[in-house]
Amino acid sequence: MFMESMGTCAWITHFGRTIWRRWSGYHRRSRVETRMHCVKLLGQRLAARDFDRQVAEFQLRVAVLNGFTALGIPVTEVLG
């Protein structure tokens, strides 16, 4: 693990952090981890017992999060 970490550090030093993030998929993984954290903030457990209802409950949570995300995106307009 240590040698692998040292290899990663050398790679980042040589090519740069931005290229490493794109090559390794780090940015995508970080965004997924952040989104899953937000989903867990809505509750750790599903209330429904039936699988189909659990799916519906999870889809509802995702819809709520998407709504919050849409509220936070600024609307820009071209002036001129």
PDB file of N, CA and C in Angstrom:
ATOM      1  N   MET A   1       0.820  -1.186   0.000  1.00  0.00           N
ATOM      2  CA  MET A   1       0.000   0.000   0.000  1.00  0.00           C
ATOM      3  C   MET A   1       0.863   1.248   0.000  1.00  0.00           C
ATOM      4  N   PHE A   2       1.921   1.240   0.815  1.00  0.00           N
ATOM      5  CA  PHE A   2       2.793   2.410   0.906  1.00  0.00           C
ATOM      6  C   PHE A   2       3.478   2.687  -0.428  1.00  0.00           C
ATOM      7  N   MET A   3       3.967   1.626  -1.071  1.00  0.00           N
ATOM      8  CA  MET A   3       4.657   1.815  -2.362  1.00  0.00           C
ATOM      9  C   MET A   3       3.673   2.288  -3.423  1.00  0.00           C
ATOM     10  N   GLU A   4       2.461   1.770  -3.377  1.00  0.00           N
ATOM     11  CA  GLU A   4       1.442   2.212  -4.326  1.00  0.00           C
ATOM     12  C   GLU A   4       1.129   3.694  -4.107  1.00  0.00           C
ATOM     13  N   SER A   5       1.066   4.093  -2.852  1.00  0.00           N
ATOM     14  CA  SER A   5       0.809   5.494  -2.530  1.00  0.00           C
ATOM     15  C   SER A   5       1.954   6.378  -3.011  1.00  0.00           C
ATOM     16  N   MET A   6       3.179   5.918  -2.834  1.00  0.00           N
ATOM     17  CA  MET A   6       4.336   6.693  -3.293  1.00  0.00           C
ATOM     18  C   MET A   6       4.328   6.811  -4.815  1.00  0.00           C
ATOM     19  N   GLY A   7       3.921   5.738  -5.512  1.00  0.00           N
ATOM     20  CA  GLY A   7       3.819   5.780  -6.962  1.00  0.00           C
ATOM     21  C   GLY A   7       2.769   6.781  -7.409  1.00  0.00           C
ATOM     22  N   THR A   8       1.665   6.829  -6.702  1.00  0.00           N
ATOM     23  CA  THR A   8       0.604   7.785  -7.018  1.00  0.00           C
ATOM     24  C   THR A   8       1.098   9.210  -6.808  1.00  0.00           C
ATOM     25  N   CYS A   9       1.797   9.446  -5.708  1.00  0.00           N
ATOM     26  CA  CYS A   9       2.330  10.789  -5.443  1.00  0.00           C
ATOM     27  C   CYS A   9       3.312  11.216  -6.525  1.00  0.00           C
ATOM     28  N   ALA A  10       4.154  10.292  -6.959  1.00  0.00           N
ATOM     29  CA  ALA A  10       5.111  10.618  -8.024  1.00  0.00           C
ATOM     30  C   ALA A  10       4.374  10.910  -9.321  1.00  0.00           C
ATOM     31  N   TRP A  11       3.339  10.145  -9.602  1.00  0.00           N
ATOM     32  CA  TRP A  11       2.555  10.349 -10.827  1.00  0.00           C
ATOM     33  C   TRP A  11       1.900  11.720 -10.808  1.00  0.00           C
ATOM     34  N   ILE A  12       1.316  12.083  -9.666  1.00  0.00           N
ATOM     35  CA  ILE A  12       0.669  13.392  -9.519  1.00  0.00           C
ATOM     36  C   ILE A  12       1.692  14.508  -9.679  1.00  0.00           C
ATOM     37  N   THR A  13       2.875  14.340  -9.077  1.00  0.00           N
ATOM     38  CA  THR A  13       3.916  15.356  -9.182  1.00  0.00           C
ATOM     39  C   THR A  13       4.351  15.545 -10.623  1.00  0.00           C
ATOM     40  N   HIS A  14       4.439  14.456 -11.364  1.00  0.00           N
ATOM     41  CA  HIS A  14       4.925  14.529 -12.745  1.00  0.00           C
ATOM     42  C   HIS A  14       3.867  15.091 -13.702  1.00  0.00           C
ATOM     43  N   PHE A  15       2.640  14.583 -13.632  1.00  0.00           N
ATOM     44  CA  PHE A  15       1.614  14.944 -14.606  1.00  0.00           C
ATOM     45  C   PHE A  15       0.659  16.045 -14.118  1.00  0.00           C
ATOM     46  N   GLY A  16       0.517  16.187 -12.824  1.00  0.00           N
ATOM     47  CA  GLY A  16      -0.384  17.193 -12.280  1.00  0.00           C
ATOM     48  C   GLY A  16      -1.647  16.557 -11.724  1.00  0.00           C
ATOM     49  N   ARG A  17      -2.216  17.234 -10.721  1.00  0.00           N
ATOM     50  CA  ARG A  17      -3.376  16.707 -10.020  1.00  0.00           C
ATOM     51  C   ARG A  17      -4.622  16.641 -10.901  1.00  0.00           C
ATOM     52  N   THR A  18      -4.821  17.631 -11.758  1.00  0.00           N
ATOM     53  CA  THR A  18      -6.021  17.662 -12.606  1.00  0.00           C
ATOM     54  C   THR A  18      -6.048  16.475 -13.563  1.00  0.00           C
ATOM     55  N   ILE A  19      -4.931  16.205 -14.198  1.00  0.00           N
ATOM     56  CA  ILE A  19      -4.861  15.062 -15.130  1.00  0.00           C
ATOM     57  C   ILE A  19      -5.038  13.753 -14.371  1.00  0.00           C
ATOM     58  N   TRP A  20      -4.427  13.657 -13.180  1.00  0.00           N
ATOM     59  CA  TRP A  20      -4.578  12.439 -12.386  1.00  0.00           C
ATOM     60  C   TRP A  20      -6.036  12.204 -12.013  1.00  0.00           C
ATOM     61  N   ARG A  21      -6.760  13.259 -11.628  1.00  0.00           N
ATOM     62  CA  ARG A  21      -8.170  13.103 -11.255  1.00  0.00           C
ATOM     63  C   ARG A  21      -8.995  12.604 -12.431  1.00  0.00           C
ATOM     64  N   ARG A  22      -8.745  13.141 -13.610  1.00  0.00           N
ATOM     65  CA  ARG A  22      -9.493  12.680 -14.787  1.00  0.00           C
ATOM     66  C   ARG A  22      -9.120  11.249 -15.148  1.00  0.00           C
ATOM     67  N   TRP A  23      -7.839  10.917 -15.078  1.00  0.00           N
ATOM     68  CA  TRP A  23      -7.380   9.584 -15.447  1.00  0.00           C
ATOM     69  C   TRP A  23      -7.894   8.529 -14.471  1.00  0.00           C
ATOM     70  N   SER A  24      -7.874   8.842 -13.175  1.00  0.00           N
ATOM     71  CA  SER A  24      -8.245   7.845 -12.171  1.00  0.00           C
ATOM     72  C   SER A  24      -9.745   7.795 -11.885  1.00  0.00           C
ATOM     73  N   GLY A  25     -10.500   8.807 -12.355  1.00  0.00           N
ATOM     74  CA  GLY A  25     -11.920   8.853 -12.051  1.00  0.00           C
ATOM     75  C   GLY A  25     -12.202   9.363 -10.652  1.00  0.00           C
ATOM     76  N   TYR A  26     -11.214  10.028 -10.043  1.00  0.00           N
ATOM     77  CA  TYR A  26     -11.352  10.494  -8.661  1.00  0.00           C
ATOM     78  C   TYR A  26     -12.514  11.461  -8.511  1.00  0.00           C
ATOM     79  N   HIS A  27     -12.675  12.375  -9.447  1.00  0.00           N
ATOM     80  CA  HIS A  27     -13.718  13.393  -9.345  1.00  0.00           C
ATOM     81  C   HIS A  27     -15.105  12.745  -9.335  1.00  0.00           C
ATOM     82  N   ARG A  28     -15.320  11.797 -10.201  1.00  0.00           N
ATOM     83  CA  ARG A  28     -16.616  11.111 -10.260  1.00  0.00           C
ATOM     84  C   ARG A  28     -16.883  10.356  -8.961  1.00  0.00           C
ATOM     85  N   ARG A  29     -15.862   9.670  -8.465  1.00  0.00           N
ATOM     86  CA  ARG A  29     -16.014   8.916  -7.226  1.00  0.00           C
ATOM     87  C   ARG A  29     -16.321   9.865  -6.061  1.00  0.00           C
ATOM     88  N   SER A  30     -15.649  11.008  -6.018  1.00  0.00           N
ATOM     89  CA  SER A  30     -15.882  11.986  -4.963  1.00  0.00           C
ATOM     90  C   SER A  30     -17.311  12.514  -5.012  1.00  0.00           C
ATOM     91  N   ARG A  31     -17.815  12.784  -6.209  1.00  0.00           N
ATOM     92  CA  ARG A  31     -19.184  13.281  -6.350  1.00  0.00           C
ATOM     93  C   ARG A  31     -20.199  12.230  -5.912  1.00  0.00           C
ATOM     94  N   VAL A  32     -19.933  10.961  -6.233  1.00  0.00           N
ATOM     95  CA  VAL A  32     -20.842   9.880  -5.822  1.00  0.00           C
ATOM     96  C   VAL A  32     -20.843   9.743  -4.305  1.00  0.00           C
ATOM     97  N   GLU A  33     -19.671   9.820  -3.680  1.00  0.00           N
ATOM     98  CA  GLU A  33     -19.599   9.719  -2.228  1.00  0.00           C
ATOM     99  C   GLU A  33     -20.370  10.867  -1.561  1.00  0.00           C
ATOM    100  N   THR A  34     -20.239  12.062  -2.117  1.00  0.00           N
ATOM    101  CA  THR A  34     -20.959  13.216  -1.570  1.00  0.00           C
ATOM    102  C   THR A  34     -22.459  13.027  -1.705  1.00  0.00           C
ATOM    103  N   ARG A  35     -22.907  12.536  -2.859  1.00  0.00           N
ATOM    104  CA  ARG A  35     -24.336  12.337  -3.086  1.00  0.00           C
ATOM    105  C   ARG A  35     -24.885  11.254  -2.157  1.00  0.00           C
ATOM    106  N   MET A  36     -24.136  10.166  -1.957  1.00  0.00           N
ATOM    107  CA  MET A  36     -24.603   9.114  -1.055  1.00  0.00           C
ATOM    108  C   MET A  36     -24.673   9.624   0.385  1.00  0.00           C
ATOM    109  N   HIS A  37     -23.759  10.505   0.761  1.00  0.00           N
ATOM    110  CA  HIS A  37     -23.826  11.111   2.089  1.00  0.00           C
ATOM    111  C   HIS A  37     -25.127  11.900   2.235  1.00  0.00           C
ATOM    112  N   CYS A  38     -25.491  12.649   1.195  1.00  0.00           N
ATOM    113  CA  CYS A  38     -26.741  13.422   1.231  1.00  0.00           C
ATOM    114  C   CYS A  38     -27.954  12.506   1.327  1.00  0.00           C
ATOM    115  N   VAL A  39     -27.931  11.387   0.612  1.00  0.00           N
ATOM    116  CA  VAL A  39     -29.048  10.431   0.677  1.00  0.00           C
ATOM    117  C   VAL A  39     -29.168   9.883   2.095  1.00  0.00           C
ATOM    118  N   LYS A  40     -28.036   9.585   2.729  1.00  0.00           N
ATOM    119  CA  LYS A  40     -28.066   9.039   4.086  1.00  0.00           C
ATOM    120  C   LYS A  40     -28.554  10.065   5.104  1.00  0.00           C
ATOM    121  N   LEU A  41     -28.375  11.353   4.812  1.00  0.00           N
ATOM    122  CA  LEU A  41     -28.879  12.376   5.724  1.00  0.00           C
ATOM    123  C   LEU A  41     -30.409  12.364   5.789  1.00  0.00           C
ATOM    124  N   LEU A  42     -31.066  11.863   4.752  1.00  0.00           N
ATOM    125  CA  LEU A  42     -32.530  11.764   4.739  1.00  0.00           C
ATOM    126  C   LEU A  42     -33.029  10.571   5.544  1.00  0.00           C
ATOM    127  N   GLY A  43     -32.127   9.747   6.012  1.00  0.00           N
ATOM    128  CA  GLY A  43     -32.504   8.592   6.826  1.00  0.00           C
ATOM    129  C   GLY A  43     -31.635   7.398   6.500  1.00  0.00           C
ATOM    130  N   GLN A  44     -31.221   6.689   7.524  1.00  0.00           N
ATOM    131  CA  GLN A  44     -30.342   5.542   7.331  1.00  0.00           C
ATOM    132  C   GLN A  44     -31.100   4.297   6.859  1.00  0.00           C
ATOM    133  N   ARG A  45     -32.367   4.210   7.205  1.00  0.00           N
ATOM    134  CA  ARG A  45     -33.132   2.998   6.893  1.00  0.00           C
ATOM    135  C   ARG A  45     -34.358   3.331   6.058  1.00  0.00           C
ATOM    136  N   LEU A  46     -34.793   2.322   5.330  1.00  0.00           N
ATOM    137  CA  LEU A  46     -36.039   2.452   4.573  1.00  0.00           C
ATOM    138  C   LEU A  46     -37.186   1.966   5.451  1.00  0.00           C
ATOM    139  N   ALA A  47     -38.290   2.687   5.435  1.00  0.00           N
ATOM    140  CA  ALA A  47     -39.434   2.329   6.276  1.00  0.00           C
ATOM    141  C   ALA A  47     -40.236   1.171   5.679  1.00  0.00           C
ATOM    142  N   ALA A  48     -40.263   1.086   4.353  1.00  0.00           N
ATOM    143  CA  ALA A  48     -41.075   0.067   3.689  1.00  0.00           C
ATOM    144  C   ALA A  48     -40.436  -1.317   3.846  1.00  0.00           C
ATOM    145  N   ARG A  49     -41.275  -2.334   3.923  1.00  0.00           N
ATOM    146  CA  ARG A  49     -40.786  -3.712   4.037  1.00  0.00           C
ATOM    147  C   ARG A  49     -40.739  -4.406   2.681  1.00  0.00           C
ATOM    148  N   ASP A  50     -41.700  -4.117   1.835  1.00  0.00           N
ATOM    149  CA  ASP A  50     -41.781  -4.736   0.519  1.00  0.00           C
ATOM    150  C   ASP A  50     -40.717  -4.125  -0.402  1.00  0.00           C
ATOM    151  N   PHE A  51     -40.061  -4.943  -1.217  1.00  0.00           N
ATOM    152  CA  PHE A  51     -38.972  -4.465  -2.068  1.00  0.00           C
ATOM    153  C   PHE A  51     -39.433  -3.382  -3.040  1.00  0.00           C
ATOM    154  N   ASP A  52     -40.586  -3.581  -3.682  1.00  0.00           N
ATOM    155  CA  ASP A  52     -41.087  -2.583  -4.631  1.00  0.00           C
ATOM    156  C   ASP A  52     -41.352  -1.246  -3.943  1.00  0.00           C
ATOM    157  N   ARG A  53     -41.848  -1.297  -2.737  1.00  0.00           N
ATOM    158  CA  ARG A  53     -42.099  -0.060  -1.986  1.00  0.00           C
ATOM    159  C   ARG A  53     -40.790   0.574  -1.525  1.00  0.00           C
ATOM    160  N   GLN A  54     -39.783  -0.257  -1.230  1.00  0.00           N
ATOM    161  CA  GLN A  54     -38.464   0.281  -0.893  1.00  0.00           C
ATOM    162  C   GLN A  54     -37.870   1.029  -2.083  1.00  0.00           C
ATOM    163  N   VAL A  55     -38.033   0.448  -3.264  1.00  0.00           N
ATOM    164  CA  VAL A  55     -37.544   1.109  -4.481  1.00  0.00           C
ATOM    165  C   VAL A  55     -38.251   2.445  -4.661  1.00  0.00           C
ATOM    166  N   ALA A  56     -39.559   2.461  -4.477  1.00  0.00           N
ATOM    167  CA  ALA A  56     -40.324   3.699  -4.619  1.00  0.00           C
ATOM    168  C   ALA A  56     -39.890   4.734  -3.580  1.00  0.00           C
ATOM    169  N   GLU A  57     -39.641   4.280  -2.352  1.00  0.00           N
ATOM    170  CA  GLU A  57     -39.207   5.196  -1.303  1.00  0.00           C
ATOM    171  C   GLU A  57     -37.844   5.803  -1.630  1.00  0.00           C
ATOM    172  N   PHE A  58     -36.941   4.985  -2.138  1.00  0.00           N
ATOM    173  CA  PHE A  58     -35.618   5.485  -2.496  1.00  0.00           C
ATOM    174  C   PHE A  58     -35.702   6.451  -3.679  1.00  0.00           C
ATOM    175  N   GLN A  59     -36.548   6.139  -4.646  1.00  0.00           N
ATOM    176  CA  GLN A  59     -36.737   7.041  -5.787  1.00  0.00           C
ATOM    177  C   GLN A  59     -37.299   8.381  -5.318  1.00  0.00           C
ATOM    178  N   LEU A  60     -38.155   8.362  -4.319  1.00  0.00           N
ATOM    179  CA  LEU A  60     -38.698   9.597  -3.765  1.00  0.00           C
ATOM    180  C   LEU A  60     -37.599  10.427  -3.102  1.00  0.00           C
ATOM    181  N   ARG A  61     -36.721   9.767  -2.369  1.00  0.00           N
ATOM    182  CA  ARG A  61     -35.596  10.476  -1.751  1.00  0.00           C
ATOM    183  C   ARG A  61     -34.706  11.119  -2.808  1.00  0.00           C
ATOM    184  N   VAL A  62     -34.440  10.380  -3.872  1.00  0.00           N
ATOM    185  CA  VAL A  62     -33.609  10.920  -4.954  1.00  0.00           C
ATOM    186  C   VAL A  62     -34.299  12.114  -5.610  1.00  0.00           C
ATOM    187  N   ALA A  63     -35.609  12.030  -5.788  1.00  0.00           N
ATOM    188  CA  ALA A  63     -36.354  13.151  -6.379  1.00  0.00           C
ATOM    189  C   ALA A  63     -36.267  14.386  -5.489  1.00  0.00           C
ATOM    190  N   VAL A  64     -36.343  14.200  -4.180  1.00  0.00           N
ATOM    191  CA  VAL A  64     -36.219  15.319  -3.246  1.00  0.00           C
ATOM    192  C   VAL A  64     -34.833  15.940  -3.358  1.00  0.00           C
ATOM    193  N   LEU A  65     -33.798  15.107  -3.397  1.00  0.00           N
ATOM    194  CA  LEU A  65     -32.438  15.621  -3.525  1.00  0.00           C
ATOM    195  C   LEU A  65     -32.240  16.356  -4.848  1.00  0.00           C
ATOM    196  N   ASN A  66     -32.801  15.818  -5.920  1.00  0.00           N
ATOM    197  CA  ASN A  66     -32.695  16.489  -7.213  1.00  0.00           C
ATOM    198  C   ASN A  66     -33.389  17.845  -7.184  1.00  0.00           C
ATOM    199  N   GLY A  67     -34.509  17.919  -6.480  1.00  0.00           N
ATOM    200  CA  GLY A  67     -35.207  19.195  -6.335  1.00  0.00           C
ATOM    201  C   GLY A  67     -34.368  20.204  -5.572  1.00  0.00           C
ATOM    202  N   PHE A  68     -33.711  19.754  -4.488  1.00  0.00           N
ATOM    203  CA  PHE A  68     -32.833  20.648  -3.729  1.00  0.00           C
ATOM    204  C   PHE A  68     -31.662  21.111  -4.587  1.00  0.00           C
ATOM    205  N   THR A  69     -31.119  20.191  -5.374  1.00  0.00           N
ATOM    206  CA  THR A  69     -30.003  20.546  -6.242  1.00  0.00           C
ATOM    207  C   THR A  69     -30.433  21.569  -7.279  1.00  0.00           C
ATOM    208  N   ALA A  70     -31.613  21.389  -7.849  1.00  0.00           N
ATOM    209  CA  ALA A  70     -32.120  22.339  -8.855  1.00  0.00           C
ATOM    210  C   ALA A  70     -32.327  23.720  -8.259  1.00  0.00           C
ATOM    211  N   LEU A  71     -32.738  23.776  -6.992  1.00  0.00           N
ATOM    212  CA  LEU A  71     -32.925  25.064  -6.329  1.00  0.00           C
ATOM    213  C   LEU A  71     -31.600  25.791  -6.120  1.00  0.00           C
ATOM    214  N   GLY A  72     -30.521  25.020  -5.980  1.00  0.00           N
ATOM    215  CA  GLY A  72     -29.219  25.620  -5.714  1.00  0.00           C
ATOM    216  C   GLY A  72     -28.437  26.023  -6.953  1.00  0.00           C
ATOM    217  N   ILE A  73     -28.920  25.656  -8.148  1.00  0.00           N
ATOM    218  CA  ILE A  73     -28.212  26.002  -9.390  1.00  0.00           C
ATOM    219  C   ILE A  73     -28.640  27.394  -9.827  1.00  0.00           C
ATOM    220  N   PRO A  74     -27.670  28.292 -10.015  1.00  0.00           N
ATOM    221  CA  PRO A  74     -28.030  29.649 -10.411  1.00  0.00           C
ATOM    222  C   PRO A  74     -28.541  29.700 -11.854  1.00  0.00           C
ATOM    223  N   VAL A  75     -29.473  30.601 -12.086  1.00  0.00           N
ATOM    224  CA  VAL A  75     -29.999  30.822 -13.432  1.00  0.00           C
ATOM    225  C   VAL A  75     -29.254  32.031 -13.998  1.00  0.00           C
ATOM    226  N   THR A  76     -28.557  31.829 -15.093  1.00  0.00           N
ATOM    227  CA  THR A  76     -27.802  32.932 -15.703  1.00  0.00           C
ATOM    228  C   THR A  76     -28.495  33.378 -16.977  1.00  0.00           C
ATOM    229  N   GLU A  77     -28.445  34.642 -17.216  1.00  0.00           N
ATOM    230  CA  GLU A  77     -29.042  35.218 -18.417  1.00  0.00           C
ATOM    231  C   GLU A  77     -28.007  36.067 -19.130  1.00  0.00           C
ATOM    232  N   VAL A  78     -28.027  36.022 -20.455  1.00  0.00           N
ATOM    233  CA  VAL A  78     -27.104  36.802 -21.257  1.00  0.00           C
ATOM    234  C   VAL A  78     -27.629  38.233 -21.333  1.00  0.00           C
ATOM    235  N   LEU A  79     -26.769  39.168 -21.023  1.00  0.00           N
ATOM    236  CA  LEU A  79     -27.130  40.578 -21.126  1.00  0.00           C
ATOM    237  C   LEU A  79     -26.551  41.156 -22.411  1.00  0.00           C
ATOM    238  N   GLY A  80     -27.305  41.990 -23.041  1.00  0.00           N
ATOM    239  CA  GLY A  80     -26.724  42.642 -24.213  1.00  0.00           C
ATOM    240  C   GLY A  80     -27.559  42.695 -25.410  1.00  0.00           C
TER     241      GLY A  80
END
